[in-house]
Amino acid sequence: MIFDEDSEPKNKKPALRVLDKMSVAELQEYAAALDAEKLRVQAEIERKQKHLSAMDALFGGKTDGTT
C-alpha cells in the first residue's frame, strides 16, 4: 500500500523528539533542520497570501484564506 501526505489527517501534530538523549551536534543539526522547515513554511504562506490577494483583485472580494 502506498501512503502519501494527503492520507494523513491535516491537523495531526508531529511526534516530539526526545531531546535529552541527543548530543550537542545532533541538537544543532535538528535545530538547523527546523529552521529550514520554518523558512519553507513561511515561503508557502507568502505564496498563498499573494494568490489570495490576486484573487481578491480579480474578483473584487475579500477571501478569508481558510481554503
Protein backbone atom coordinates (compact mmCIF):
# COMPACT_ATOMS: atom_id res chain seq x y z
CA MET A 1 0.00 0.00 0.00
CA ILE A 2 1.29 3.48 -0.88
CA PHE A 3 0.91 6.30 1.62
CA ASP A 4 1.07 9.98 0.81
CA GLU A 5 0.66 13.22 2.73
CA ASP A 6 -2.97 13.55 1.63
CA SER A 7 -3.92 10.39 3.51
CA GLU A 8 -2.71 11.83 6.82
CA PRO A 9 -5.05 13.92 8.98
CA LYS A 10 -4.46 17.62 8.31
CA ASN A 11 -4.26 18.57 11.99
CA LYS A 12 -2.04 15.71 13.10
CA LYS A 13 0.86 17.08 15.12
CA PRO A 14 4.29 15.58 14.55
CA ALA A 15 5.74 13.50 17.34
CA LEU A 16 8.14 15.40 19.57
CA ARG A 17 11.71 14.18 19.67
CA VAL A 18 13.38 13.16 22.90
CA LEU A 19 15.99 15.91 23.20
CA ASP A 20 17.84 14.80 26.33
CA LYS A 21 19.23 11.74 24.53
CA MET A 22 20.65 13.82 21.65
CA SER A 23 24.23 15.09 21.50
CA VAL A 24 25.04 18.76 21.03
CA ALA A 25 25.87 18.12 17.36
CA GLU A 26 22.59 16.26 16.86
CA LEU A 27 20.69 19.08 18.54
CA GLN A 28 22.39 21.62 16.27
CA GLU A 29 21.52 19.59 13.19
CA TYR A 30 17.94 19.23 14.38
CA ALA A 31 17.67 22.97 15.05
CA ALA A 32 19.05 23.72 11.57
CA ALA A 33 16.50 21.37 10.03
CA LEU A 34 13.70 23.07 11.96
CA ASP A 35 14.94 26.49 10.83
CA ALA A 36 14.91 25.31 7.21
CA GLU A 37 11.39 23.92 7.61
CA LYS A 38 10.20 27.18 9.16
CA LEU A 39 11.56 29.10 6.16
CA ARG A 40 9.81 26.68 3.82
CA VAL A 41 6.51 27.15 5.66
CA GLN A 42 6.87 30.93 5.65
CA ALA A 43 7.54 30.89 1.89
CA GLU A 44 4.40 28.82 1.33
CA ILE A 45 2.34 31.21 3.47
CA GLU A 46 3.61 34.15 1.43
CA ARG A 47 2.87 32.33 -1.82
CA LYS A 48 -0.69 31.62 -0.70
CA GLN A 49 -1.22 35.17 0.56
CA LYS A 50 -0.13 36.52 -2.84
CA HIS A 51 -2.54 34.13 -4.51
CA LEU A 52 -5.38 35.29 -2.25
CA SER A 53 -4.53 38.93 -2.97
CA ALA A 54 -4.61 38.23 -6.69
CA MET A 55 -7.99 36.53 -6.32
CA ASP A 56 -9.30 39.49 -4.32
CA ALA A 57 -8.10 41.89 -7.01
CA LEU A 58 -9.63 39.78 -9.76
CA PHE A 59 -13.00 39.17 -8.13
CA GLY A 60 -13.24 42.33 -6.03
CA GLY A 61 -13.85 40.48 -2.79
CA LYS A 62 -12.04 39.64 0.37
CA THR A 63 -11.08 36.00 0.76
CA ASP A 64 -10.65 34.61 4.23
CA GLY A 65 -7.72 32.31 3.44
CA THR A 66 -9.23 29.24 5.08
CA THR A 67 -9.06 27.06 2.00
